[in-house]
Amino acid sequence: LIVRGAGFEFGEGKARTKPDFTRIFICPKTGKKFEADFELWKDSTQK
């Protein structure tokens, strides 16, 4: 949680974003590794 000013900033200004990530996964059928991109939701009070 990101602390701003004298306390936590909840409610106002909570813009939601979807940062991109890339990770290595393993196919359960072939056992081969592959790289894939995905997004996760977060708001302005989180890092």
All heavy atoms as atom14 arrays in JSON, in Angstrom:
{
  "sequence": "LIVRGAGFEFGEGKARTKPDFTRIFICPKTGKKFEADFELWKDSTQK",
  "atom14_mask": [
    [1, 1, 1, 1, 1, 1, 1, 1, 0, 0, 0, 0, 0, 0],
    [1, 1, 1, 1, 1, 1, 1, 1, 0, 0, 0, 0, 0, 0],
    [1, 1, 1, 1, 1, 1, 1, 0, 0, 0, 0, 0, 0, 0],
    [1, 1, 1, 1, 1, 1, 1, 1, 1, 1, 1, 0, 0, 0],
    [1, 1, 1, 1, 0, 0, 0, 0, 0, 0, 0, 0, 0, 0],
    [1, 1, 1, 1, 1, 0, 0, 0, 0, 0, 0, 0, 0, 0],
    [1, 1, 1, 1, 0, 0, 0, 0, 0, 0, 0, 0, 0, 0],
    [1, 1, 1, 1, 1, 1, 1, 1, 1, 1, 1, 0, 0, 0],
    [1, 1, 1, 1, 1, 1, 1, 1, 1, 0, 0, 0, 0, 0],
    [1, 1, 1, 1, 1, 1, 1, 1, 1, 1, 1, 0, 0, 0],
    [1, 1, 1, 1, 0, 0, 0, 0, 0, 0, 0, 0, 0, 0],
    [1, 1, 1, 1, 1, 1, 1, 1, 1, 0, 0, 0, 0, 0],
    [1, 1, 1, 1, 0, 0, 0, 0, 0, 0, 0, 0, 0, 0],
    [1, 1, 1, 1, 1, 1, 1, 1, 1, 0, 0, 0, 0, 0],
    [1, 1, 1, 1, 1, 0, 0, 0, 0, 0, 0, 0, 0, 0],
    [1, 1, 1, 1, 1, 1, 1, 1, 1, 1, 1, 0, 0, 0],
    [1, 1, 1, 1, 1, 1, 1, 0, 0, 0, 0, 0, 0, 0],
    [1, 1, 1, 1, 1, 1, 1, 1, 1, 0, 0, 0, 0, 0],
    [1, 1, 1, 1, 1, 1, 1, 0, 0, 0, 0, 0, 0, 0],
    [1, 1, 1, 1, 1, 1, 1, 1, 0, 0, 0, 0, 0, 0],
    [1, 1, 1, 1, 1, 1, 1, 1, 1, 1, 1, 0, 0, 0],
    [1, 1, 1, 1, 1, 1, 1, 0, 0, 0, 0, 0, 0, 0],
    [1, 1, 1, 1, 1, 1, 1, 1, 1, 1, 1, 0, 0, 0],
    [1, 1, 1, 1, 1, 1, 1, 1, 0, 0, 0, 0, 0, 0],
    [1, 1, 1, 1, 1, 1, 1, 1, 1, 1, 1, 0, 0, 0],
    [1, 1, 1, 1, 1, 1, 1, 1, 0, 0, 0, 0, 0, 0],
    [1, 1, 1, 1, 1, 1, 0, 0, 0, 0, 0, 0, 0, 0],
    [1, 1, 1, 1, 1, 1, 1, 0, 0, 0, 0, 0, 0, 0],
    [1, 1, 1, 1, 1, 1, 1, 1, 1, 0, 0, 0, 0, 0],
    [1, 1, 1, 1, 1, 1, 1, 0, 0, 0, 0, 0, 0, 0],
    [1, 1, 1, 1, 0, 0, 0, 0, 0, 0, 0, 0, 0, 0],
    [1, 1, 1, 1, 1, 1, 1, 1, 1, 0, 0, 0, 0, 0],
    [1, 1, 1, 1, 1, 1, 1, 1, 1, 0, 0, 0, 0, 0],
    [1, 1, 1, 1, 1, 1, 1, 1, 1, 1, 1, 0, 0, 0],
    [1, 1, 1, 1, 1, 1, 1, 1, 1, 0, 0, 0, 0, 0],
    [1, 1, 1, 1, 1, 0, 0, 0, 0, 0, 0, 0, 0, 0],
    [1, 1, 1, 1, 1, 1, 1, 1, 0, 0, 0, 0, 0, 0],
    [1, 1, 1, 1, 1, 1, 1, 1, 1, 1, 1, 0, 0, 0],
    [1, 1, 1, 1, 1, 1, 1, 1, 1, 0, 0, 0, 0, 0],
    [1, 1, 1, 1, 1, 1, 1, 1, 0, 0, 0, 0, 0, 0],
    [1, 1, 1, 1, 1, 1, 1, 1, 1, 1, 1, 1, 1, 1],
    [1, 1, 1, 1, 1, 1, 1, 1, 1, 0, 0, 0, 0, 0],
    [1, 1, 1, 1, 1, 1, 1, 1, 0, 0, 0, 0, 0, 0],
    [1, 1, 1, 1, 1, 1, 0, 0, 0, 0, 0, 0, 0, 0],
    [1, 1, 1, 1, 1, 1, 1, 0, 0, 0, 0, 0, 0, 0],
    [1, 1, 1, 1, 1, 1, 1, 1, 1, 0, 0, 0, 0, 0],
    [1, 1, 1, 1, 1, 1, 1, 1, 1, 0, 0, 0, 0, 0]
  ],
  "atom14_positions": [
    [[0.85, -1.18, 0.0], [0.0, 0.0, 0.0], [0.89, 1.23, 0.0], [1.88, 1.29, 0.73], [-0.91, 0.01, 1.23], [-1.89, -1.15, 1.31], [-2.65, -1.11, 2.63], [-2.87, -1.12, 0.15], [0.0, 0.0, 0.0], [0.0, 0.0, 0.0], [0.0, 0.0, 0.0], [0.0, 0.0, 0.0], [0.0, 0.0, 0.0], [0.0, 0.0, 0.0]],
    [[0.55, 2.21, -0.81], [1.33, 3.43, -0.92], [0.78, 4.45, 0.06], [-0.42, 4.75, 0.06], [1.28, 3.99, -2.36], [1.88, 2.98, -3.33], [1.99, 5.33, -2.43], [1.69, 3.34, -4.78], [0.0, 0.0, 0.0], [0.0, 0.0, 0.0], [0.0, 0.0, 0.0], [0.0, 0.0, 0.0], [0.0, 0.0, 0.0], [0.0, 0.0, 0.0]],
    [[1.66, 4.97, 0.92], [1.26, 5.98, 1.89], [1.54, 7.35, 1.28], [2.64, 7.63, 0.83], [2.06, 5.81, 3.21], [1.68, 6.88, 4.2], [1.84, 4.43, 3.78], [0.0, 0.0, 0.0], [0.0, 0.0, 0.0], [0.0, 0.0, 0.0], [0.0, 0.0, 0.0], [0.0, 0.0, 0.0], [0.0, 0.0, 0.0], [0.0, 0.0, 0.0]],
    [[0.53, 8.2, 1.31], [0.68, 9.57, 0.78], [0.28, 10.55, 1.87], [-0.75, 10.37, 2.51], [-0.2, 9.76, -0.43], [0.25, 8.9, -1.58], [-0.12, 9.54, -2.9], [0.47, 8.76, -3.96], [-0.22, 8.1, -4.86], [-1.53, 8.13, -4.85], [0.39, 7.4, -5.79], [0.0, 0.0, 0.0], [0.0, 0.0, 0.0], [0.0, 0.0, 0.0]],
    [[1.06, 11.58, 2.04], [0.72, 12.59, 3.04], [0.74, 12.02, 4.44], [1.64, 11.3, 4.82], [0.0, 0.0, 0.0], [0.0, 0.0, 0.0], [0.0, 0.0, 0.0], [0.0, 0.0, 0.0], [0.0, 0.0, 0.0], [0.0, 0.0, 0.0], [0.0, 0.0, 0.0], [0.0, 0.0, 0.0], [0.0, 0.0, 0.0], [0.0, 0.0, 0.0]],
    [[-0.29, 12.32, 5.23], [-0.33, 11.91, 6.63], [-0.91, 10.52, 6.82], [-0.89, 9.99, 7.91], [-1.15, 12.92, 7.43], [0.0, 0.0, 0.0], [0.0, 0.0, 0.0], [0.0, 0.0, 0.0], [0.0, 0.0, 0.0], [0.0, 0.0, 0.0], [0.0, 0.0, 0.0], [0.0, 0.0, 0.0], [0.0, 0.0, 0.0], [0.0, 0.0, 0.0]],
    [[-1.45, 9.91, 5.78], [-2.06, 8.6, 5.96], [-2.29, 7.9, 4.64], [-1.77, 8.3, 3.61], [0.0, 0.0, 0.0], [0.0, 0.0, 0.0], [0.0, 0.0, 0.0], [0.0, 0.0, 0.0], [0.0, 0.0, 0.0], [0.0, 0.0, 0.0], [0.0, 0.0, 0.0], [0.0, 0.0, 0.0], [0.0, 0.0, 0.0], [0.0, 0.0, 0.0]],
    [[-3.07, 6.86, 4.71], [-3.41, 6.13, 3.49], [-4.42, 6.91, 2.69], [-5.29, 7.56, 3.23], [-4.02, 4.76, 3.84], [-3.04, 3.83, 4.46], [-3.03, 3.63, 5.83], [-2.12, 3.16, 3.69], [-2.12, 2.77, 6.41], [-1.21, 2.3, 4.25], [-1.22, 2.11, 5.62], [0.0, 0.0, 0.0], [0.0, 0.0, 0.0], [0.0, 0.0, 0.0]],
    [[-4.31, 6.82, 1.39], [-5.25, 7.5, 0.5], [-6.22, 6.48, -0.05], [-5.89, 5.68, -0.91], [-4.46, 8.15, -0.64], [-5.33, 8.92, -1.6], [-4.47, 9.51, -2.7], [-3.7, 10.41, -2.41], [-4.59, 9.04, -3.84], [0.0, 0.0, 0.0], [0.0, 0.0, 0.0], [0.0, 0.0, 0.0], [0.0, 0.0, 0.0], [0.0, 0.0, 0.0]],
    [[-7.42, 6.45, 0.5], [-8.43, 5.52, 0.04], [-9.54, 6.29, -0.65], [-9.81, 7.43, -0.33], [-9.02, 4.71, 1.21], [-8.04, 3.75, 1.8], [-7.45, 4.0, 3.02], [-7.7, 2.6, 1.13], [-6.55, 3.12, 3.56], [-6.8, 1.7, 1.66], [-6.22, 1.97, 2.88], [0.0, 0.0, 0.0], [0.0, 0.0, 0.0], [0.0, 0.0, 0.0]],
    [[-10.22, 5.62, -1.57], [-11.39, 6.23, -2.2], [-11.04, 7.13, -3.36], [-10.91, 6.67, -4.48], [0.0, 0.0, 0.0], [0.0, 0.0, 0.0], [0.0, 0.0, 0.0], [0.0, 0.0, 0.0], [0.0, 0.0, 0.0], [0.0, 0.0, 0.0], [0.0, 0.0, 0.0], [0.0, 0.0, 0.0], [0.0, 0.0, 0.0], [0.0, 0.0, 0.0]],
    [[-10.84, 8.39, -3.11], [-10.61, 9.36, -4.19], [-9.31, 9.07, -4.91], [-8.31, 8.71, -4.32], [-10.56, 10.78, -3.61], [-11.9, 11.27, -3.12], [-11.83, 12.69, -2.65], [-11.3, 13.53, -3.41], [-12.28, 12.96, -1.55], [0.0, 0.0, 0.0], [0.0, 0.0, 0.0], [0.0, 0.0, 0.0], [0.0, 0.0, 0.0], [0.0, 0.0, 0.0]],
    [[-9.34, 9.26, -6.2], [-8.13, 9.12, -7.01], [-7.66, 7.69, -7.2], [-6.51, 7.46, -7.5], [0.0, 0.0, 0.0], [0.0, 0.0, 0.0], [0.0, 0.0, 0.0], [0.0, 0.0, 0.0], [0.0, 0.0, 0.0], [0.0, 0.0, 0.0], [0.0, 0.0, 0.0], [0.0, 0.0, 0.0], [0.0, 0.0, 0.0], [0.0, 0.0, 0.0]],
    [[-8.53, 6.72, -7.02], [-8.13, 5.32, -7.18], [-8.26, 4.88, -8.63], [-9.12, 4.11, -8.97], [-8.98, 4.42, -6.28], [-8.59, 4.44, -4.84], [-9.45, 3.5, -4.05], [-8.68, 2.26, -3.74], [-9.4, 1.34, -2.86], [0.0, 0.0, 0.0], [0.0, 0.0, 0.0], [0.0, 0.0, 0.0], [0.0, 0.0, 0.0], [0.0, 0.0, 0.0]],
    [[-7.41, 5.41, -9.47], [-7.41, 5.01, -10.87], [-6.87, 3.59, -10.98], [-5.84, 3.27, -10.41], [-6.55, 5.96, -11.68], [0.0, 0.0, 0.0], [0.0, 0.0, 0.0], [0.0, 0.0, 0.0], [0.0, 0.0, 0.0], [0.0, 0.0, 0.0], [0.0, 0.0, 0.0], [0.0, 0.0, 0.0], [0.0, 0.0, 0.0], [0.0, 0.0, 0.0]],
    [[-7.6, 2.73, -11.69], [-7.17, 1.34, -11.87], [-6.33, 1.23, -13.14], [-6.69, 1.79, -14.16], [-8.37, 0.42, -11.93], [-9.07, 0.3, -10.59], [-10.32, -0.53, -10.65], [-10.12, -1.84, -11.24], [-9.94, -2.97, -10.56], [-9.91, -2.94, -9.26], [-9.8, -4.12, -11.18], [0.0, 0.0, 0.0], [0.0, 0.0, 0.0], [0.0, 0.0, 0.0]],
    [[-5.24, 0.51, -13.03], [-4.38, 0.27, -14.19], [-4.09, -1.22, -14.29], [-4.29, -1.98, -13.34], [-3.05, 1.05, -14.07], [-2.39, 0.63, -12.88], [-3.29, 2.54, -14.04], [0.0, 0.0, 0.0], [0.0, 0.0, 0.0], [0.0, 0.0, 0.0], [0.0, 0.0, 0.0], [0.0, 0.0, 0.0], [0.0, 0.0, 0.0], [0.0, 0.0, 0.0]],
    [[-3.59, -1.63, -15.45], [-3.24, -3.02, -15.69], [-1.78, -3.1, -16.14], [-1.51, -3.08, -17.32], [-4.13, -3.64, -16.76], [-5.57, -3.77, -16.37], [-6.36, -4.58, -17.37], [-6.37, -3.97, -18.74], [-7.24, -4.66, -19.69], [0.0, 0.0, 0.0], [0.0, 0.0, 0.0], [0.0, 0.0, 0.0], [0.0, 0.0, 0.0], [0.0, 0.0, 0.0]],
    [[-0.84, -3.17, -15.2], [0.55, -3.31, -15.61], [0.78, -4.66, -16.31], [0.14, -5.64, -15.97], [1.34, -3.26, -14.31], [0.38, -2.96, -13.23], [-1.0, -3.1, -13.77], [0.0, 0.0, 0.0], [0.0, 0.0, 0.0], [0.0, 0.0, 0.0], [0.0, 0.0, 0.0], [0.0, 0.0, 0.0], [0.0, 0.0, 0.0], [0.0, 0.0, 0.0]],
    [[1.7, -4.65, -17.27], [2.04, -5.86, -18.02], [3.19, -6.6, -17.34], [4.12, -5.98, -16.83], [2.48, -5.51, -19.44], [1.33, -4.97, -20.28], [0.2, -5.41, -20.05], [1.59, -4.13, -21.15], [0.0, 0.0, 0.0], [0.0, 0.0, 0.0], [0.0, 0.0, 0.0], [0.0, 0.0, 0.0], [0.0, 0.0, 0.0], [0.0, 0.0, 0.0]],
    [[3.11, -7.93, -17.36], [4.16, -8.78, -16.82], [4.46, -9.88, -17.83], [3.61, -10.27, -18.61], [3.71, -9.43, -15.5], [3.47, -8.44, -14.42], [2.21, -7.9, -14.22], [4.5, -8.02, -13.59], [1.98, -6.97, -13.23], [4.28, -7.1, -12.59], [3.02, -6.57, -12.41], [0.0, 0.0, 0.0], [0.0, 0.0, 0.0], [0.0, 0.0, 0.0]],
    [[5.68, -10.39, -17.78], [6.1, -11.52, -18.61], [6.72, -12.55, -17.68], [7.59, -12.21, -16.87], [7.13, -11.09, -19.67], [6.55, -10.05, -20.48], [7.53, -12.24, -20.56], [0.0, 0.0, 0.0], [0.0, 0.0, 0.0], [0.0, 0.0, 0.0], [0.0, 0.0, 0.0], [0.0, 0.0, 0.0], [0.0, 0.0, 0.0], [0.0, 0.0, 0.0]],
    [[6.27, -13.78, -17.79], [6.81, -14.85, -16.96], [6.96, -16.12, -17.79], [6.39, -16.24, -18.87], [5.9, -15.15, -15.75], [5.8, -14.03, -14.73], [7.13, -13.82, -14.02], [7.07, -12.79, -13.0], [7.29, -11.49, -13.21], [7.55, -11.05, -14.42], [7.24, -10.63, -12.22], [0.0, 0.0, 0.0], [0.0, 0.0, 0.0], [0.0, 0.0, 0.0]],
    [[7.7, -17.08, -17.26], [7.9, -18.39, -17.89], [6.88, -19.36, -17.3], [6.71, -19.44, -16.08], [9.33, -18.92, -17.63], [10.38, -17.95, -18.16], [9.5, -20.32, -18.22], [10.42, -17.81, -19.66], [0.0, 0.0, 0.0], [0.0, 0.0, 0.0], [0.0, 0.0, 0.0], [0.0, 0.0, 0.0], [0.0, 0.0, 0.0], [0.0, 0.0, 0.0]],
    [[6.2, -20.11, -18.17], [5.23, -21.11, -17.77], [5.65, -22.45, -18.36], [6.46, -22.5, -19.29], [3.83, -20.73, -18.28], [3.32, -19.44, -17.71], [3.57, -18.23, -18.35], [2.59, -19.43, -16.54], [3.1, -17.05, -17.82], [2.12, -18.25, -16.0], [2.37, -17.05, -16.64], [0.0, 0.0, 0.0], [0.0, 0.0, 0.0], [0.0, 0.0, 0.0]],
    [[5.1, -23.54, -17.83], [5.38, -24.87, -18.35], [4.08, -25.49, -18.82], [3.1, -25.55, -18.07], [6.04, -25.77, -17.28], [7.38, -25.16, -16.85], [6.24, -27.19, -17.8], [8.04, -25.86, -15.69], [0.0, 0.0, 0.0], [0.0, 0.0, 0.0], [0.0, 0.0, 0.0], [0.0, 0.0, 0.0], [0.0, 0.0, 0.0], [0.0, 0.0, 0.0]],
    [[4.06, -25.97, -20.06], [2.88, -26.62, -20.61], [2.66, -27.95, -19.87], [3.58, -28.76, -19.78], [3.06, -26.89, -22.1], [1.73, -27.88, -22.82], [0.0, 0.0, 0.0], [0.0, 0.0, 0.0], [0.0, 0.0, 0.0], [0.0, 0.0, 0.0], [0.0, 0.0, 0.0], [0.0, 0.0, 0.0], [0.0, 0.0, 0.0], [0.0, 0.0, 0.0]],
    [[1.46, -28.16, -19.32], [1.22, -29.39, -18.57], [1.16, -30.65, -19.46], [1.33, -31.75, -18.96], [-0.13, -29.14, -17.9], [-0.8, -28.13, -18.75], [0.3, -27.28, -19.32], [0.0, 0.0, 0.0], [0.0, 0.0, 0.0], [0.0, 0.0, 0.0], [0.0, 0.0, 0.0], [0.0, 0.0, 0.0], [0.0, 0.0, 0.0], [0.0, 0.0, 0.0]],
    [[0.96, -30.46, -20.75], [0.86, -31.62, -21.65], [2.21, -32.03, -22.23], [2.49, -33.21, -22.37], [-0.14, -31.33, -22.77], [-1.55, -31.2, -22.25], [-2.55, -31.01, -23.33], [-3.93, -30.9, -22.71], [-4.97, -30.67, -23.68], [0.0, 0.0, 0.0], [0.0, 0.0, 0.0], [0.0, 0.0, 0.0], [0.0, 0.0, 0.0], [0.0, 0.0, 0.0]],
    [[3.04, -31.04, -22.6], [4.32, -31.35, -23.23], [5.51, -31.22, -22.28], [6.58, -31.75, -22.56], [4.57, -30.41, -24.43], [4.72, -29.07, -23.95], [3.46, -30.5, -25.44], [0.0, 0.0, 0.0], [0.0, 0.0, 0.0], [0.0, 0.0, 0.0], [0.0, 0.0, 0.0], [0.0, 0.0, 0.0], [0.0, 0.0, 0.0], [0.0, 0.0, 0.0]],
    [[5.34, -30.47, -21.19], [6.44, -30.22, -20.26], [7.41, -29.16, -20.75], [8.44, -28.9, -20.12], [0.0, 0.0, 0.0], [0.0, 0.0, 0.0], [0.0, 0.0, 0.0], [0.0, 0.0, 0.0], [0.0, 0.0, 0.0], [0.0, 0.0, 0.0], [0.0, 0.0, 0.0], [0.0, 0.0, 0.0], [0.0, 0.0, 0.0], [0.0, 0.0, 0.0]],
    [[7.1, -28.53, -21.89], [7.98, -27.51, -22.46], [7.7, -26.15, -21.84], [6.55, -25.81, -21.53], [7.78, -27.42, -23.97], [8.21, -28.65, -24.72], [8.0, -28.47, -26.21], [8.4, -29.71, -26.98], [8.17, -29.54, -28.42], [0.0, 0.0, 0.0], [0.0, 0.0, 0.0], [0.0, 0.0, 0.0], [0.0, 0.0, 0.0], [0.0, 0.0, 0.0]],
    [[8.76, -25.36, -21.68], [8.63, -24.01, -21.14], [8.26, -23.04, -22.25], [8.67, -23.22, -23.4], [9.95, -23.55, -20.52], [10.34, -24.34, -19.29], [11.64, -23.83, -18.71], [12.04, -24.65, -17.49], [13.3, -24.17, -16.92], [0.0, 0.0, 0.0], [0.0, 0.0, 0.0], [0.0, 0.0, 0.0], [0.0, 0.0, 0.0], [0.0, 0.0, 0.0]],
    [[7.48, -22.01, -21.88], [7.17, -20.93, -22.81], [6.99, -19.64, -22.04], [6.71, -19.64, -20.85], [5.93, -21.26, -23.66], [4.64, -21.37, -22.87], [3.79, -20.27, -22.75], [4.28, -22.57, -22.28], [2.6, -20.38, -22.04], [3.09, -22.68, -21.57], [2.25, -21.59, -21.45], [0.0, 0.0, 0.0], [0.0, 0.0, 0.0], [0.0, 0.0, 0.0]],
    [[7.2, -18.55, -22.74], [7.08, -17.21, -22.15], [5.74, -16.62, -22.55], [5.33, -16.75, -23.7], [8.23, -16.34, -22.66], [8.35, -15.01, -22.0], [9.59, -14.27, -22.47], [9.5, -13.58, -23.49], [10.64, -14.43, -21.83], [0.0, 0.0, 0.0], [0.0, 0.0, 0.0], [0.0, 0.0, 0.0], [0.0, 0.0, 0.0], [0.0, 0.0, 0.0]],
    [[5.06, -15.98, -21.61], [3.76, -15.36, -21.91], [3.62, -14.04, -21.17], [4.17, -13.87, -20.07], [2.63, -16.3, -21.53], [0.0, 0.0, 0.0], [0.0, 0.0, 0.0], [0.0, 0.0, 0.0], [0.0, 0.0, 0.0], [0.0, 0.0, 0.0], [0.0, 0.0, 0.0], [0.0, 0.0, 0.0], [0.0, 0.0, 0.0], [0.0, 0.0, 0.0]],
    [[2.9, -13.13, -21.79], [2.59, -11.83, -21.19], [1.19, -11.87, -20.61], [0.31, -12.54, -21.14], [2.65, -10.72, -22.24], [4.01, -10.57, -22.88], [5.01, -10.82, -22.19], [4.08, -10.21, -24.06], [0.0, 0.0, 0.0], [0.0, 0.0, 0.0], [0.0, 0.0, 0.0], [0.0, 0.0, 0.0], [0.0, 0.0, 0.0], [0.0, 0.0, 0.0]],
    [[0.97, -11.13, -19.52], [-0.36, -11.02, -18.92], [-0.44, -9.7, -18.16], [0.57, -9.03, -17.94], [-0.65, -12.21, -17.99], [0.36, -12.38, -16.88], [0.14, -11.82, -15.64], [1.51, -13.12, -17.09], [1.06, -11.97, -14.62], [2.44, -13.28, -16.08], [2.22, -12.71, -14.85], [0.0, 0.0, 0.0], [0.0, 0.0, 0.0], [0.0, 0.0, 0.0]],
    [[-1.66, -9.33, -17.78], [-1.89, -8.09, -17.05], [-2.56, -8.4, -15.73], [-3.33, -9.36, -15.62], [-2.82, -7.17, -17.85], [-2.26, -6.76, -19.19], [-3.26, -5.99, -20.04], [-4.47, -6.31, -19.97], [-2.84, -5.08, -20.74], [0.0, 0.0, 0.0], [0.0, 0.0, 0.0], [0.0, 0.0, 0.0], [0.0, 0.0, 0.0], [0.0, 0.0, 0.0]],
    [[-2.28, -7.58, -14.71], [-2.93, -7.68, -13.41], [-3.46, -6.32, -13.02], [-2.77, -5.31, -13.17], [-1.93, -8.15, -12.34], [-1.35, -9.54, -12.49], [-0.26, -9.77, -11.45], [-2.43, -10.59, -12.33], [0.0, 0.0, 0.0], [0.0, 0.0, 0.0], [0.0, 0.0, 0.0], [0.0, 0.0, 0.0], [0.0, 0.0, 0.0], [0.0, 0.0, 0.0]],
    [[-4.69, -6.29, -12.51], [-5.29, -5.02, -12.08], [-4.66, -4.55, -10.77], [-4.37, -5.33, -9.89], [-6.79, -5.18, -11.85], [-7.59, -5.2, -13.09], [-8.13, -6.31, -13.69], [-7.95, -4.1, -13.91], [-8.8, -5.96, -14.84], [-8.71, -4.6, -14.99], [-7.71, -2.73, -13.85], [-9.23, -3.79, -15.98], [-8.22, -1.93, -14.84], [-8.97, -2.45, -15.89]],
    [[-4.47, -3.24, -10.68], [-4.06, -2.59, -9.43], [-4.64, -1.18, -9.44], [-5.02, -0.67, -10.48], [-2.56, -2.56, -9.26], [-1.84, -1.59, -10.17], [-0.39, -1.49, -9.79], [0.24, -0.21, -10.29], [-0.23, 1.01, -9.69], [0.0, 0.0, 0.0], [0.0, 0.0, 0.0], [0.0, 0.0, 0.0], [0.0, 0.0, 0.0], [0.0, 0.0, 0.0]],
    [[-4.71, -0.57, -8.27], [-5.17, 0.82, -8.23], [-4.04, 1.73, -7.76], [-2.95, 1.27, -7.44], [-6.45, 0.98, -7.4], [-6.27, 0.62, -5.95], [-5.26, 1.04, -5.35], [-7.14, -0.07, -5.4], [0.0, 0.0, 0.0], [0.0, 0.0, 0.0], [0.0, 0.0, 0.0], [0.0, 0.0, 0.0], [0.0, 0.0, 0.0], [0.0, 0.0, 0.0]],
    [[-4.3, 3.04, -7.7], [-3.25, 4.01, -7.42], [-2.71, 3.93, -6.0], [-1.69, 4.53, -5.7], [-3.74, 5.43, -7.72], [-4.82, 5.74, -6.86], [0.0, 0.0, 0.0], [0.0, 0.0, 0.0], [0.0, 0.0, 0.0], [0.0, 0.0, 0.0], [0.0, 0.0, 0.0], [0.0, 0.0, 0.0], [0.0, 0.0, 0.0], [0.0, 0.0, 0.0]],
    [[-3.37, 3.21, -5.1], [-2.88, 3.06, -3.73], [-2.03, 1.81, -3.57], [-1.64, 1.47, -2.47], [-4.04, 3.01, -2.72], [-4.83, 1.86, -2.98], [-4.89, 4.26, -2.8], [0.0, 0.0, 0.0], [0.0, 0.0, 0.0], [0.0, 0.0, 0.0], [0.0, 0.0, 0.0], [0.0, 0.0, 0.0], [0.0, 0.0, 0.0], [0.0, 0.0, 0.0]],
    [[-1.74, 1.11, -4.66], [-0.97, -0.13, -4.6], [0.22, -0.09, -5.55], [0.18, 0.56, -6.58], [-1.83, -1.32, -5.01], [-3.06, -1.54, -4.18], [-3.96, -2.59, -4.79], [-4.03, -2.74, -6.0], [-4.67, -3.31, -3.94], [0.0, 0.0, 0.0], [0.0, 0.0, 0.0], [0.0, 0.0, 0.0], [0.0, 0.0, 0.0], [0.0, 0.0, 0.0]],
    [[1.25, -0.82, -5.16], [2.39, -1.05, -6.04], [2.65, -2.55, -6.01], [2.68, -3.16, -4.94], [3.63, -0.3, -5.53], [4.86, -0.54, -6.36], [6.04, 0.22, -5.82], [7.26, -0.07, -6.67], [8.45, 0.61, -6.15], [0.0, 0.0, 0.0], [0.0, 0.0, 0.0], [0.0, 0.0, 0.0], [0.0, 0.0, 0.0], [0.0, 0.0, 0.0]]
  ]
}
